[in-house]
C-alpha cells in the first residue's frame, strides 16, 4: 500500500486563469446569497419582535 502523503511532496500545478475567475465569481455569488439570506431570516425575528412589542409610556409623577 502506497503512502498518499508522499505525493504531496511534488509542487502543485498552477490552475488556469479561467478556473480561478470562475471560482472567485462563485464565491462572490455565495457571499451575496448569504447576505440576502441573513437579511431576510435572522434579522426577521428581531424586527418582528420590536414591531409587535408594546411600548410602555413613562408615567408622569
N, C-alpha and C. Protein backbone atom coordinates (compact mmCIF):
# COMPACT_ATOMS: atom_id res chain seq x y z
N UNK A 1 0.85 -1.18 0.00
CA UNK A 1 0.00 0.00 0.00
C UNK A 1 0.89 1.24 0.00
N UNK A 2 0.62 2.13 -0.96
CA UNK A 2 1.42 3.35 -1.08
C UNK A 2 0.97 4.40 -0.07
N UNK A 3 1.92 5.17 0.36
CA UNK A 3 1.62 6.26 1.28
C UNK A 3 1.15 7.47 0.46
N UNK A 4 -0.11 7.92 0.62
CA UNK A 4 -0.60 9.05 -0.18
C UNK A 4 0.08 10.37 0.17
N UNK A 5 0.68 10.48 1.33
CA UNK A 5 1.32 11.72 1.73
C UNK A 5 2.65 11.95 0.99
N UNK A 6 3.22 10.90 0.42
CA UNK A 6 4.43 11.06 -0.36
C UNK A 6 4.15 11.83 -1.66
N UNK A 7 2.92 11.80 -2.14
CA UNK A 7 2.56 12.51 -3.36
C UNK A 7 2.47 14.02 -3.11
N UNK A 8 2.37 14.43 -1.87
CA UNK A 8 2.26 15.84 -1.54
C UNK A 8 3.58 16.59 -1.65
N UNK A 9 4.67 15.87 -1.77
CA UNK A 9 5.99 16.49 -1.84
C UNK A 9 6.15 17.27 -3.14
N UNK A 10 5.52 16.82 -4.20
CA UNK A 10 5.65 17.47 -5.50
C UNK A 10 4.96 18.83 -5.47
N UNK A 11 5.53 19.83 -6.15
CA UNK A 11 4.89 21.15 -6.14
C UNK A 11 3.54 21.11 -6.88
N UNK A 12 2.56 21.86 -6.40
CA UNK A 12 1.25 21.84 -7.05
C UNK A 12 1.30 22.54 -8.41
N UNK A 13 0.40 22.15 -9.29
CA UNK A 13 0.33 22.76 -10.61
C UNK A 13 -0.52 24.02 -10.52
N UNK A 14 -0.20 24.99 -11.34
CA UNK A 14 -0.94 26.25 -11.38
C UNK A 14 -2.29 26.02 -12.06
N UNK A 15 -3.34 26.55 -11.46
CA UNK A 15 -4.68 26.43 -12.03
C UNK A 15 -4.84 27.43 -13.18
N UNK A 16 -5.64 27.08 -14.18
CA UNK A 16 -5.88 28.02 -15.28
C UNK A 16 -6.58 29.29 -14.80
N UNK A 17 -6.30 30.39 -15.47
CA UNK A 17 -6.84 31.68 -15.07
C UNK A 17 -8.37 31.70 -15.15
N UNK A 18 -8.95 31.05 -16.15
CA UNK A 18 -10.42 30.99 -16.30
C UNK A 18 -11.04 30.29 -15.10
N UNK A 19 -10.41 29.23 -14.62
CA UNK A 19 -10.91 28.49 -13.48
C UNK A 19 -10.85 29.35 -12.22
N UNK A 20 -9.77 30.09 -12.06
CA UNK A 20 -9.64 30.98 -10.90
C UNK A 20 -10.74 32.04 -10.90
N UNK A 21 -11.00 32.62 -12.09
CA UNK A 21 -12.05 33.63 -12.20
C UNK A 21 -13.42 33.05 -11.87
N UNK A 22 -13.69 31.83 -12.36
CA UNK A 22 -14.98 31.20 -12.09
C UNK A 22 -15.16 30.92 -10.60
N UNK A 23 -14.11 30.43 -9.98
CA UNK A 23 -14.18 30.13 -8.54
C UNK A 23 -14.43 31.41 -7.74
N UNK A 24 -13.73 32.48 -8.09
CA UNK A 24 -13.91 33.74 -7.36
C UNK A 24 -15.31 34.31 -7.60
N UNK A 25 -15.85 34.16 -8.80
CA UNK A 25 -17.21 34.62 -9.09
C UNK A 25 -18.23 33.79 -8.30
N UNK A 26 -18.01 32.49 -8.20
CA UNK A 26 -18.92 31.64 -7.43
C UNK A 26 -18.88 31.99 -5.95
N UNK A 27 -17.70 32.30 -5.43
CA UNK A 27 -17.58 32.69 -4.03
C UNK A 27 -18.29 34.01 -3.78
N UNK A 28 -18.14 34.96 -4.70
CA UNK A 28 -18.83 36.25 -4.55
C UNK A 28 -20.34 36.07 -4.60
N UNK A 29 -20.83 35.20 -5.48
CA UNK A 29 -22.27 34.94 -5.56
C UNK A 29 -22.77 34.29 -4.28
N UNK A 30 -21.99 33.37 -3.72
CA UNK A 30 -22.38 32.72 -2.47
C UNK A 30 -22.44 33.74 -1.33
N UNK A 31 -21.47 34.63 -1.27
CA UNK A 31 -21.47 35.66 -0.22
C UNK A 31 -22.68 36.57 -0.34
N UNK A 32 -23.03 36.92 -1.58
CA UNK A 32 -24.20 37.76 -1.80
C UNK A 32 -25.47 37.03 -1.35
N UNK A 33 -25.59 35.76 -1.73
CA UNK A 33 -26.74 34.96 -1.31
C UNK A 33 -26.81 34.84 0.20
N UNK A 34 -25.66 34.64 0.84
CA UNK A 34 -25.61 34.52 2.30
C UNK A 34 -26.06 35.82 2.96
N UNK A 35 -25.64 36.95 2.41
CA UNK A 35 -26.05 38.25 2.97
C UNK A 35 -27.55 38.46 2.82
N UNK A 36 -28.09 38.10 1.65
CA UNK A 36 -29.54 38.23 1.46
C UNK A 36 -30.30 37.30 2.40
N UNK A 37 -29.82 36.09 2.57
CA UNK A 37 -30.47 35.14 3.46
C UNK A 37 -30.45 35.65 4.89
N UNK A 38 -29.34 36.21 5.32
CA UNK A 38 -29.26 36.78 6.67
C UNK A 38 -30.16 37.98 6.83
N UNK A 39 -30.32 38.74 5.77
CA UNK A 39 -31.18 39.91 5.83
C UNK A 39 -32.64 39.53 6.04
N UNK A 40 -33.07 38.45 5.42
CA UNK A 40 -34.47 38.06 5.49
C UNK A 40 -34.77 36.99 6.52
N UNK A 41 -33.78 36.38 7.13
CA UNK A 41 -34.08 35.31 8.07
C UNK A 41 -33.71 35.65 9.50
N UNK A 42 -32.45 35.85 9.78
CA UNK A 42 -32.04 36.04 11.17
C UNK A 42 -32.50 37.38 11.73
N UNK A 43 -32.51 38.40 10.92
CA UNK A 43 -32.94 39.71 11.40
C UNK A 43 -34.46 39.84 11.42
N UNK A 44 -35.16 38.94 10.76
CA UNK A 44 -36.61 39.00 10.69
C UNK A 44 -37.22 38.84 12.08
N UNK A 45 -36.68 37.94 12.89
CA UNK A 45 -37.22 37.72 14.22
C UNK A 45 -37.06 38.96 15.09
N UNK A 46 -35.92 39.60 15.04
CA UNK A 46 -35.70 40.81 15.82
C UNK A 46 -36.61 41.94 15.36
N UNK A 47 -36.78 42.07 14.07
CA UNK A 47 -37.64 43.13 13.54
C UNK A 47 -39.09 42.88 13.93
N UNK A 48 -39.55 41.65 13.83
CA UNK A 48 -40.93 41.33 14.20
C UNK A 48 -41.16 41.55 15.69
N UNK A 49 -40.19 41.18 16.49
CA UNK A 49 -40.33 41.36 17.94
C UNK A 49 -40.41 42.83 18.30
N UNK A 50 -39.56 43.64 17.71
CA UNK A 50 -39.59 45.06 18.03
C UNK A 50 -40.84 45.74 17.47
N UNK A 51 -41.39 45.21 16.38
CA UNK A 51 -42.60 45.78 15.79
C UNK A 51 -43.82 45.50 16.66
N UNK A 52 -43.91 44.28 17.17
CA UNK A 52 -45.09 43.89 17.95
C UNK A 52 -44.94 44.14 19.45
N UNK A 53 -43.77 44.51 19.87
CA UNK A 53 -43.53 44.74 21.29
C UNK A 53 -44.27 46.00 21.72
N UNK A 54 -45.00 45.89 22.80
CA UNK A 54 -45.73 47.05 23.30
C UNK A 54 -44.76 47.98 24.02
N UNK A 55 -44.85 49.21 23.65
CA UNK A 55 -44.00 50.20 24.32
C UNK A 55 -44.79 50.82 25.45
N UNK A 56 -44.19 50.87 26.57
CA UNK A 56 -44.85 51.46 27.74
C UNK A 56 -44.49 52.93 27.83
N UNK A 57 -45.48 53.72 28.05
CA UNK A 57 -45.23 55.14 28.21
C UNK A 57 -44.83 55.39 29.65
N UNK A 58 -43.85 56.24 29.87
CA UNK A 58 -43.47 56.54 31.25
C UNK A 58 -44.58 57.31 31.95
N UNK A 59 -44.81 56.93 33.18
CA UNK A 59 -45.85 57.61 33.96
C UNK A 59 -45.32 58.96 34.44
N UNK A 60 -46.16 59.95 34.32
CA UNK A 60 -45.80 61.28 34.81
C UNK A 60 -46.09 61.34 36.30
N UNK A 61 -45.15 61.81 37.07
CA UNK A 61 -45.31 61.89 38.53
C UNK A 61 -45.63 63.29 38.94
